[in-house]
C-alpha cells in the first residue's frame, strides 16, 4: 500500500516540478528576449542617435548601426538564439497625434516632413524612430508533459527608440 501511495505522490510531484521548471524557463527566456530587444534599440541610439545627427537616417547613413544592434542582441544569456526580424531594422518618421500615440508620417527614404500636420499636431516636429523586432524560439524541457508546451512560440518582441 505504501508503494502505491508513493507512486501516486511521485507522479504528482514530478508533474508539478516539470511544470514549475518549464514555466520558469519560459518566463526567464521571455525576459531575456525583452532585455535584448530594448538593449539593441538603446545601442542603435548610442551608435547613431542624437549625438551624431549627421548619421540620420541610421539605416542608410550610420555604418555602425548593425554592428551595435547585433552586439547588443547577443549580450544576454541567450546569445545568438535571439534573431533580428528585420535586417536592417525599420526606421521611419513619427509624430505624436491628438490621442498621444505615435503615428507614422513618412519613411526615411523620403524627405523628412517639416511638421506633424499629417498627425493633427502641426506645432510639433517629427522624430526619427527606429523599431527593433526580435524573435526567439522557446523549447520546453518537458514537451507534452507541462503546460509550457502551450505557450506561444516563437517569442516575439518589439522596441522603439527615438534617434533624432
N, C-alpha and C. Protein backbone atom coordinates (compact mmCIF):
# COMPACT_ATOMS: atom_id res chain seq x y z
N UNK A 1 0.82 -1.19 0.00
CA UNK A 1 0.00 0.00 0.00
C UNK A 1 0.87 1.26 0.00
N UNK A 2 1.96 1.23 0.78
CA UNK A 2 2.86 2.37 0.84
C UNK A 2 3.51 2.61 -0.52
N UNK A 3 3.85 1.56 -1.23
CA UNK A 3 4.47 1.71 -2.55
C UNK A 3 3.49 2.36 -3.53
N UNK A 4 2.23 2.01 -3.46
CA UNK A 4 1.21 2.61 -4.34
C UNK A 4 1.06 4.09 -4.02
N UNK A 5 0.98 4.42 -2.74
CA UNK A 5 0.87 5.83 -2.34
C UNK A 5 2.10 6.62 -2.78
N UNK A 6 3.27 6.02 -2.60
CA UNK A 6 4.50 6.69 -3.02
C UNK A 6 4.50 6.90 -4.53
N UNK A 7 4.05 5.91 -5.29
CA UNK A 7 3.99 6.03 -6.75
C UNK A 7 3.07 7.16 -7.19
N UNK A 8 1.91 7.25 -6.57
CA UNK A 8 0.97 8.33 -6.92
C UNK A 8 1.56 9.68 -6.54
N UNK A 9 2.13 9.77 -5.35
CA UNK A 9 2.74 11.01 -4.89
C UNK A 9 3.89 11.40 -5.80
N UNK A 10 4.72 10.44 -6.22
CA UNK A 10 5.86 10.71 -7.07
C UNK A 10 5.42 11.26 -8.43
N UNK A 11 4.36 10.68 -9.00
CA UNK A 11 3.86 11.15 -10.30
C UNK A 11 3.35 12.59 -10.18
N UNK A 12 2.59 12.87 -9.12
CA UNK A 12 2.07 14.23 -8.92
C UNK A 12 3.20 15.23 -8.66
N UNK A 13 4.18 14.83 -7.87
CA UNK A 13 5.32 15.70 -7.59
C UNK A 13 6.14 15.95 -8.85
N UNK A 14 6.35 14.91 -9.63
CA UNK A 14 7.11 15.05 -10.88
C UNK A 14 6.41 15.99 -11.86
N UNK A 15 5.09 15.83 -11.99
CA UNK A 15 4.33 16.71 -12.90
C UNK A 15 4.41 18.15 -12.43
N UNK A 16 4.30 18.36 -11.13
CA UNK A 16 4.38 19.73 -10.59
C UNK A 16 5.76 20.33 -10.82
N UNK A 17 6.79 19.57 -10.55
CA UNK A 17 8.15 20.07 -10.75
C UNK A 17 8.45 20.35 -12.22
N UNK A 18 7.96 19.49 -13.11
CA UNK A 18 8.17 19.72 -14.54
C UNK A 18 7.48 21.01 -14.98
N UNK A 19 6.28 21.26 -14.48
CA UNK A 19 5.57 22.49 -14.82
C UNK A 19 6.29 23.71 -14.28
N UNK A 20 6.73 23.65 -13.04
CA UNK A 20 7.45 24.78 -12.45
C UNK A 20 8.73 25.06 -13.24
N UNK A 21 9.46 24.02 -13.60
CA UNK A 21 10.71 24.19 -14.34
C UNK A 21 10.46 24.81 -15.71
N UNK A 22 9.50 24.29 -16.47
CA UNK A 22 9.24 24.81 -17.81
C UNK A 22 8.67 26.22 -17.79
N UNK A 23 7.76 26.50 -16.88
CA UNK A 23 7.19 27.84 -16.80
C UNK A 23 8.27 28.84 -16.39
N UNK A 24 9.11 28.46 -15.45
CA UNK A 24 10.20 29.35 -15.03
C UNK A 24 11.17 29.61 -16.18
N UNK A 25 11.49 28.58 -16.93
CA UNK A 25 12.38 28.73 -18.08
C UNK A 25 11.75 29.67 -19.11
N UNK A 26 10.46 29.52 -19.38
CA UNK A 26 9.79 30.37 -20.35
C UNK A 26 9.81 31.83 -19.90
N UNK A 27 9.48 32.07 -18.65
CA UNK A 27 9.45 33.45 -18.13
C UNK A 27 10.85 34.07 -18.21
N UNK A 28 11.86 33.33 -17.80
CA UNK A 28 13.23 33.84 -17.85
C UNK A 28 13.64 34.16 -19.28
N UNK A 29 13.38 33.26 -20.20
CA UNK A 29 13.78 33.49 -21.59
C UNK A 29 13.00 34.63 -22.22
N UNK A 30 11.72 34.77 -21.87
CA UNK A 30 10.94 35.90 -22.38
C UNK A 30 11.53 37.22 -21.88
N UNK A 31 11.93 37.27 -20.61
CA UNK A 31 12.55 38.48 -20.07
C UNK A 31 13.89 38.76 -20.74
N UNK A 32 14.65 37.73 -21.04
CA UNK A 32 15.92 37.91 -21.72
C UNK A 32 15.72 38.45 -23.14
N UNK A 33 14.69 37.97 -23.83
CA UNK A 33 14.39 38.48 -25.18
C UNK A 33 13.96 39.94 -25.10
N UNK A 34 13.11 40.29 -24.13
CA UNK A 34 12.71 41.69 -23.94
C UNK A 34 13.93 42.56 -23.67
N UNK A 35 14.81 42.09 -22.80
CA UNK A 35 16.02 42.85 -22.47
C UNK A 35 16.91 43.02 -23.70
N UNK A 36 17.12 41.97 -24.45
CA UNK A 36 17.97 42.04 -25.64
C UNK A 36 17.39 43.03 -26.65
N UNK A 37 16.08 43.02 -26.81
CA UNK A 37 15.43 43.92 -27.77
C UNK A 37 15.60 45.37 -27.35
N UNK A 38 15.37 45.65 -26.08
CA UNK A 38 15.50 47.03 -25.59
C UNK A 38 16.95 47.51 -25.62
N UNK A 39 17.87 46.63 -25.27
CA UNK A 39 19.29 46.99 -25.31
C UNK A 39 19.73 47.26 -26.75
N UNK A 40 19.20 46.51 -27.70
CA UNK A 40 19.54 46.73 -29.11
C UNK A 40 19.05 48.10 -29.58
N UNK A 41 17.86 48.50 -29.15
CA UNK A 41 17.34 49.82 -29.51
C UNK A 41 18.21 50.91 -28.87
N UNK A 42 18.62 50.72 -27.64
CA UNK A 42 19.49 51.69 -26.98
C UNK A 42 20.86 51.74 -27.66
N UNK A 43 21.35 50.62 -28.13
CA UNK A 43 22.62 50.59 -28.83
C UNK A 43 22.53 51.34 -30.16
N UNK A 44 21.39 51.24 -30.83
CA UNK A 44 21.19 52.00 -32.07
C UNK A 44 21.24 53.50 -31.77
N UNK A 45 20.63 53.90 -30.67
CA UNK A 45 20.66 55.31 -30.29
C UNK A 45 22.08 55.75 -29.96
N UNK A 46 22.80 54.93 -29.21
CA UNK A 46 24.16 55.29 -28.81
C UNK A 46 25.10 55.38 -30.02
N UNK A 47 24.91 54.50 -30.99
CA UNK A 47 25.80 54.47 -32.15
C UNK A 47 25.44 55.51 -33.20
N UNK A 48 24.15 55.82 -33.32
CA UNK A 48 23.73 56.64 -34.46
C UNK A 48 22.77 57.77 -34.11
N UNK A 49 22.40 57.93 -32.87
CA UNK A 49 21.33 58.84 -32.48
C UNK A 49 21.72 60.29 -32.37
N UNK A 50 21.06 60.99 -31.46
CA UNK A 50 21.15 62.44 -31.34
C UNK A 50 22.56 63.01 -31.25
N UNK A 51 23.51 62.36 -30.57
CA UNK A 51 24.85 62.95 -30.57
C UNK A 51 25.49 63.02 -31.97
N UNK A 52 25.02 62.21 -32.90
CA UNK A 52 25.56 62.18 -34.26
C UNK A 52 24.43 62.43 -35.27
N UNK A 53 23.83 63.63 -35.30
CA UNK A 53 22.70 63.85 -36.20
C UNK A 53 23.04 63.70 -37.67
N UNK A 54 24.31 63.80 -38.01
CA UNK A 54 24.69 63.65 -39.42
C UNK A 54 24.56 62.20 -39.88
N UNK A 55 24.40 61.26 -38.92
CA UNK A 55 24.28 59.84 -39.27
C UNK A 55 22.82 59.40 -39.39
N UNK A 56 21.90 60.34 -39.45
CA UNK A 56 20.49 60.01 -39.59
C UNK A 56 20.06 60.26 -41.03
N UNK A 57 19.22 59.45 -41.59
CA UNK A 57 18.63 58.24 -41.04
C UNK A 57 19.67 57.15 -40.87
N UNK A 58 19.57 56.46 -39.76
CA UNK A 58 20.58 55.49 -39.36
C UNK A 58 20.69 54.30 -40.30
N UNK A 59 19.56 53.83 -40.83
CA UNK A 59 19.60 52.64 -41.69
C UNK A 59 20.33 52.89 -43.00
N UNK A 60 20.48 54.15 -43.39
CA UNK A 60 21.18 54.45 -44.64
C UNK A 60 22.48 55.22 -44.43
N UNK A 61 22.66 55.88 -43.28
CA UNK A 61 23.82 56.74 -43.09
C UNK A 61 24.77 56.33 -41.98
N UNK A 62 24.38 55.41 -41.14
CA UNK A 62 25.21 55.04 -39.99
C UNK A 62 25.85 53.67 -40.23
N UNK A 63 27.14 53.68 -40.46
CA UNK A 63 27.84 52.43 -40.76
C UNK A 63 27.95 51.50 -39.55
N UNK A 64 27.85 52.04 -38.34
CA UNK A 64 27.98 51.22 -37.13
C UNK A 64 26.66 50.66 -36.63
N UNK A 65 25.56 50.94 -37.28
CA UNK A 65 24.24 50.54 -36.78
C UNK A 65 24.13 49.04 -36.56
N UNK A 66 24.36 48.25 -37.57
CA UNK A 66 24.15 46.81 -37.46
C UNK A 66 25.15 46.14 -36.52
N UNK A 67 26.37 46.64 -36.47
CA UNK A 67 27.36 46.10 -35.54
C UNK A 67 26.88 46.31 -34.11
N UNK A 68 26.42 47.53 -33.81
CA UNK A 68 25.95 47.85 -32.46
C UNK A 68 24.69 47.07 -32.09
N UNK A 69 23.74 46.98 -33.02
CA UNK A 69 22.49 46.27 -32.75
C UNK A 69 22.74 44.79 -32.54
N UNK A 70 23.53 44.16 -33.40
CA UNK A 70 23.79 42.73 -33.26
C UNK A 70 24.58 42.40 -32.00
N UNK A 71 25.54 43.24 -31.64
CA UNK A 71 26.30 43.01 -30.41
C UNK A 71 25.39 43.11 -29.20
N UNK A 72 24.48 44.06 -29.21
CA UNK A 72 23.54 44.21 -28.09
C UNK A 72 22.56 43.04 -28.03
N UNK A 73 22.08 42.59 -29.17
CA UNK A 73 21.15 41.45 -29.21
C UNK A 73 21.78 40.19 -28.62
N UNK A 74 23.05 40.02 -28.83
CA UNK A 74 23.72 38.81 -28.39
C UNK A 74 24.34 38.95 -27.01
N UNK A 75 24.03 40.04 -26.30
CA UNK A 75 24.64 40.30 -24.99
C UNK A 75 23.96 39.57 -23.84
N UNK A 76 22.84 38.92 -24.08
CA UNK A 76 22.16 38.21 -23.00
C UNK A 76 22.63 36.76 -22.96
N UNK A 77 22.11 36.02 -22.00
CA UNK A 77 22.48 34.61 -21.87
C UNK A 77 21.98 33.76 -23.03
N UNK A 78 21.05 34.28 -23.83
CA UNK A 78 20.53 33.54 -24.97
C UNK A 78 21.44 33.63 -26.18
N UNK A 79 22.37 34.57 -26.17
CA UNK A 79 23.37 34.71 -27.23
C UNK A 79 22.78 34.89 -28.61
N UNK A 80 23.25 34.09 -29.55
CA UNK A 80 22.83 34.23 -30.95
C UNK A 80 21.46 33.65 -31.23
N UNK A 81 20.81 33.05 -30.23
CA UNK A 81 19.47 32.49 -30.43
C UNK A 81 18.42 33.58 -30.60
N UNK A 82 18.71 34.80 -30.15
CA UNK A 82 17.79 35.93 -30.36
C UNK A 82 18.11 36.50 -31.74
N UNK A 83 17.12 36.46 -32.61
CA UNK A 83 17.32 36.87 -34.00
C UNK A 83 16.60 38.18 -34.30
N UNK A 84 17.23 38.99 -35.11
CA UNK A 84 16.62 40.23 -35.58
C UNK A 84 15.65 39.88 -36.70
N UNK A 85 14.41 40.36 -36.59
CA UNK A 85 13.39 40.03 -37.60
C UNK A 85 13.63 40.80 -38.88
N UNK A 86 13.80 42.10 -38.78
CA UNK A 86 14.04 42.93 -39.96
C UNK A 86 15.49 43.37 -39.98
N UNK A 87 16.19 43.05 -41.05
CA UNK A 87 17.59 43.41 -41.15
C UNK A 87 17.80 44.21 -42.42
N UNK A 88 18.00 45.51 -42.39
CA UNK A 88 18.16 46.35 -41.21
C UNK A 88 16.82 46.62 -40.52
N UNK A 89 16.89 47.17 -39.29
CA UNK A 89 15.64 47.49 -38.58
C UNK A 89 14.81 48.52 -39.34
N UNK A 90 13.55 48.60 -38.99
CA UNK A 90 12.63 49.54 -39.63
C UNK A 90 12.86 50.93 -39.01
N UNK A 91 12.98 51.92 -39.86
CA UNK A 91 13.17 53.30 -39.40
C UNK A 91 12.19 54.19 -40.15
N UNK A 92 11.55 55.11 -39.44
CA UNK A 92 10.57 56.00 -40.07
C UNK A 92 10.43 57.26 -39.23
N UNK A 93 9.71 58.24 -39.80
CA UNK A 93 9.41 59.48 -39.09
C UNK A 93 8.05 59.33 -38.43
N UNK A 94 7.99 59.69 -37.16
CA UNK A 94 6.76 59.58 -36.38
C UNK A 94 6.44 60.90 -35.72
N UNK A 95 5.14 61.11 -35.50
CA UNK A 95 4.64 62.27 -34.76
C UNK A 95 3.67 61.77 -33.68
N UNK A 96 3.51 62.58 -32.66
CA UNK A 96 2.50 62.29 -31.65
C UNK A 96 1.19 62.90 -32.12
N UNK A 97 0.14 62.08 -32.19
CA UNK A 97 -1.15 62.59 -32.64
C UNK A 97 -1.97 63.12 -31.46
N UNK A 98 -3.19 63.52 -31.71
CA UNK A 98 -4.03 64.12 -30.67
C UNK A 98 -4.38 63.13 -29.55
N UNK A 99 -4.25 61.83 -29.79
CA UNK A 99 -4.51 60.82 -28.77
C UNK A 99 -3.24 60.44 -28.01
N UNK A 100 -2.16 61.20 -28.21
CA UNK A 100 -0.86 60.95 -27.58
C UNK A 100 -0.26 59.60 -27.96
N UNK A 101 -0.50 59.17 -29.17
CA UNK A 101 0.08 57.93 -29.69
C UNK A 101 0.99 58.27 -30.86
N UNK A 102 2.03 57.46 -31.06
CA UNK A 102 2.92 57.68 -32.20
C UNK A 102 2.21 57.31 -33.49
N UNK A 103 2.37 58.16 -34.48
CA UNK A 103 1.77 57.92 -35.79
C UNK A 103 2.85 58.07 -36.85
N UNK A 104 2.98 57.08 -37.71
CA UNK A 104 3.95 57.11 -38.79
C UNK A 104 3.53 58.19 -39.79
N UNK A 105 4.48 59.10 -40.09
CA UNK A 105 4.18 60.18 -41.03
C UNK A 105 5.09 60.16 -42.25
N UNK A 106 5.95 59.14 -42.34
CA UNK A 106 6.79 59.06 -43.54
C UNK A 106 7.96 58.12 -43.38
N UNK A 107 8.38 57.57 -44.49
CA UNK A 107 9.55 56.69 -44.50
C UNK A 107 10.82 57.53 -44.55
N UNK A 108 11.91 56.97 -44.06
CA UNK A 108 13.17 57.71 -44.08
C UNK A 108 13.76 57.79 -45.48
N UNK A 109 13.22 57.03 -46.41
CA UNK A 109 13.68 57.10 -47.79
C UNK A 109 13.10 58.31 -48.52
N UNK A 110 12.08 58.94 -47.92
CA UNK A 110 11.51 60.16 -48.48
C UNK A 110 11.97 61.35 -47.64
N UNK A 111 11.81 62.56 -48.12
CA UNK A 111 12.23 63.73 -47.34
C UNK A 111 11.47 63.80 -46.01
N UNK A 112 12.17 64.28 -44.98
CA UNK A 112 11.57 64.41 -43.65
C UNK A 112 10.49 65.48 -43.69
N UNK A 113 9.28 65.16 -43.19
CA UNK A 113 8.23 66.17 -43.15
C UNK A 113 8.66 67.35 -42.28
N UNK A 114 8.20 68.55 -42.63
CA UNK A 114 8.61 69.74 -41.88
C UNK A 114 7.87 69.89 -40.56
N UNK A 115 6.66 69.31 -40.48
CA UNK A 115 5.90 69.37 -39.22
C UNK A 115 4.99 68.14 -39.13
N UNK A 116 4.17 68.12 -38.09
CA UNK A 116 3.31 66.96 -37.84
C UNK A 116 1.85 67.20 -38.24
N UNK A 117 1.64 67.97 -39.30
CA UNK A 117 0.29 68.23 -39.77
C UNK A 117 -0.45 66.94 -40.10
N UNK A 118 0.24 65.96 -40.66
CA UNK A 118 -0.38 64.69 -41.03
C UNK A 118 -0.94 63.95 -39.81
N UNK A 119 -0.40 64.22 -38.63
CA UNK A 119 -0.86 63.57 -37.40
C UNK A 119 -1.85 64.45 -36.63
N UNK A 120 -2.12 65.64 -37.15
CA UNK A 120 -3.06 66.53 -36.49
C UNK A 120 -2.44 67.41 -35.42
N UNK A 121 -1.12 67.45 -35.37
CA UNK A 121 -0.42 68.30 -34.40
C UNK A 121 0.65 69.11 -35.15
N UNK A 122 0.22 70.16 -35.88
CA UNK A 122 1.15 70.89 -36.75
C UNK A 122 2.24 71.67 -36.02
N UNK A 123 2.10 71.88 -34.72
CA UNK A 123 3.12 72.63 -33.99
C UNK A 123 4.32 71.77 -33.60
N UNK A 124 4.21 70.46 -33.77
CA UNK A 124 5.29 69.56 -33.39
C UNK A 124 6.15 69.18 -34.60
N UNK A 125 7.39 68.80 -34.32
CA UNK A 125 8.29 68.35 -35.38
C UNK A 125 8.36 66.82 -35.34
N UNK A 126 8.43 66.17 -36.49
CA UNK A 126 8.53 64.70 -36.50
C UNK A 126 9.88 64.23 -35.96
N UNK A 127 9.86 63.04 -35.39
CA UNK A 127 11.09 62.43 -34.89
C UNK A 127 11.46 61.21 -35.71
N UNK A 128 12.74 60.93 -35.74
CA UNK A 128 13.26 59.76 -36.43
C UNK A 128 13.30 58.61 -35.42
N UNK A 129 12.50 57.58 -35.64
CA UNK A 129 12.40 56.43 -34.73
C UNK A 129 12.89 55.17 -35.43
N UNK A 130 13.54 54.32 -34.65
CA UNK A 130 13.95 53.02 -35.15
C UNK A 130 13.18 51.95 -34.38
N UNK A 131 12.77 50.92 -35.09
CA UNK A 131 12.00 49.85 -34.48
C UNK A 131 12.80 48.55 -34.60
N UNK A 132 13.08 47.94 -33.44
CA UNK A 132 13.82 46.69 -33.39
C UNK A 132 12.82 45.57 -33.09
N UNK A 133 12.75 44.58 -33.96
CA UNK A 133 11.88 43.42 -33.74
C UNK A 133 12.75 42.17 -33.65
N UNK A 134 12.49 41.38 -32.60
CA UNK A 134 13.29 40.18 -32.40
C UNK A 134 12.41 38.94 -32.27
N UNK A 135 13.05 37.80 -32.43
CA UNK A 135 12.36 36.52 -32.35
C UNK A 135 13.29 35.50 -31.67
N UNK A 136 12.68 34.68 -30.81
CA UNK A 136 13.41 33.61 -30.14
C UNK A 136 12.49 32.40 -30.07
N UNK A 137 12.99 31.24 -30.43
CA UNK A 137 12.19 30.03 -30.39
C UNK A 137 12.38 29.34 -29.05
N UNK A 138 11.29 29.24 -28.30
CA UNK A 138 11.30 28.60 -26.99
C UNK A 138 11.10 27.10 -27.14
N UNK A 139 11.92 26.34 -26.44
CA UNK A 139 11.80 24.87 -26.43
C UNK A 139 11.64 24.42 -24.97
N UNK A 140 10.48 23.87 -24.58
CA UNK A 140 10.33 23.40 -23.19
C UNK A 140 11.20 22.17 -22.93
N UNK A 141 11.58 22.00 -21.68
CA UNK A 141 12.35 20.82 -21.29
C UNK A 141 11.48 19.56 -21.33
N UNK A 142 10.20 19.72 -21.01
CA UNK A 142 9.28 18.58 -20.94
C UNK A 142 8.10 18.79 -21.90
N UNK A 143 8.35 18.73 -23.21
CA UNK A 143 7.26 18.97 -24.16
C UNK A 143 6.16 17.93 -24.02
N UNK A 144 4.93 18.39 -24.05
CA UNK A 144 3.79 17.50 -23.93
C UNK A 144 3.46 17.09 -22.52
N UNK A 145 4.36 17.38 -21.57
CA UNK A 145 4.15 16.98 -20.19
C UNK A 145 3.81 18.18 -19.30
N UNK A 146 4.22 19.38 -19.74
CA UNK A 146 3.97 20.57 -18.92
C UNK A 146 3.09 21.55 -19.69
N UNK A 147 2.50 22.46 -18.95
CA UNK A 147 1.63 23.46 -19.57
C UNK A 147 2.42 24.41 -20.45
N UNK A 148 3.73 24.50 -20.25
CA UNK A 148 4.56 25.40 -21.06
C UNK A 148 4.58 24.99 -22.52
N UNK A 149 4.18 23.77 -22.83
CA UNK A 149 4.10 23.34 -24.22
C UNK A 149 3.06 24.12 -25.00
N UNK A 150 2.13 24.75 -24.28
CA UNK A 150 1.06 25.52 -24.92
C UNK A 150 1.36 27.01 -24.99
N UNK A 151 2.50 27.44 -24.46
CA UNK A 151 2.87 28.85 -24.50
C UNK A 151 3.24 29.24 -25.92
N UNK A 152 3.02 30.52 -26.27
CA UNK A 152 3.33 30.95 -27.64
C UNK A 152 4.83 30.88 -27.93
N UNK A 153 5.13 30.29 -29.05
CA UNK A 153 6.50 30.27 -29.53
C UNK A 153 6.47 30.44 -31.04
N UNK A 154 7.28 31.21 -31.63
CA UNK A 154 8.41 31.88 -31.02
C UNK A 154 7.99 33.07 -30.16
N UNK A 155 8.92 33.50 -29.33
CA UNK A 155 8.71 34.70 -28.52
C UNK A 155 9.13 35.88 -29.38
N UNK A 156 8.20 36.80 -29.64
CA UNK A 156 8.47 37.98 -30.46
C UNK A 156 8.40 39.22 -29.58
N UNK A 157 9.34 40.14 -29.76
CA UNK A 157 9.34 41.38 -29.00
C UNK A 157 9.71 42.52 -29.93
N UNK A 158 9.21 43.73 -29.59
CA UNK A 158 9.47 44.94 -30.37
C UNK A 158 9.83 46.07 -29.42
N UNK A 159 10.82 46.86 -29.82
CA UNK A 159 11.20 48.07 -29.06
C UNK A 159 11.40 49.21 -30.06
N UNK A 160 10.98 50.39 -29.66
CA UNK A 160 11.18 51.58 -30.48
C UNK A 160 12.03 52.58 -29.73
N UNK A 161 12.86 53.31 -30.46
CA UNK A 161 13.72 54.32 -29.84
C UNK A 161 13.79 55.53 -30.78
N UNK A 162 13.65 56.70 -30.18
CA UNK A 162 13.78 57.91 -30.99
C UNK A 162 15.26 58.21 -31.15
N UNK A 163 15.69 58.35 -32.39
CA UNK A 163 17.08 58.63 -32.69
C UNK A 163 17.34 60.12 -32.84
N UNK A 164 16.38 60.84 -33.34
CA UNK A 164 16.60 62.27 -33.54
C UNK A 164 15.32 63.00 -33.85
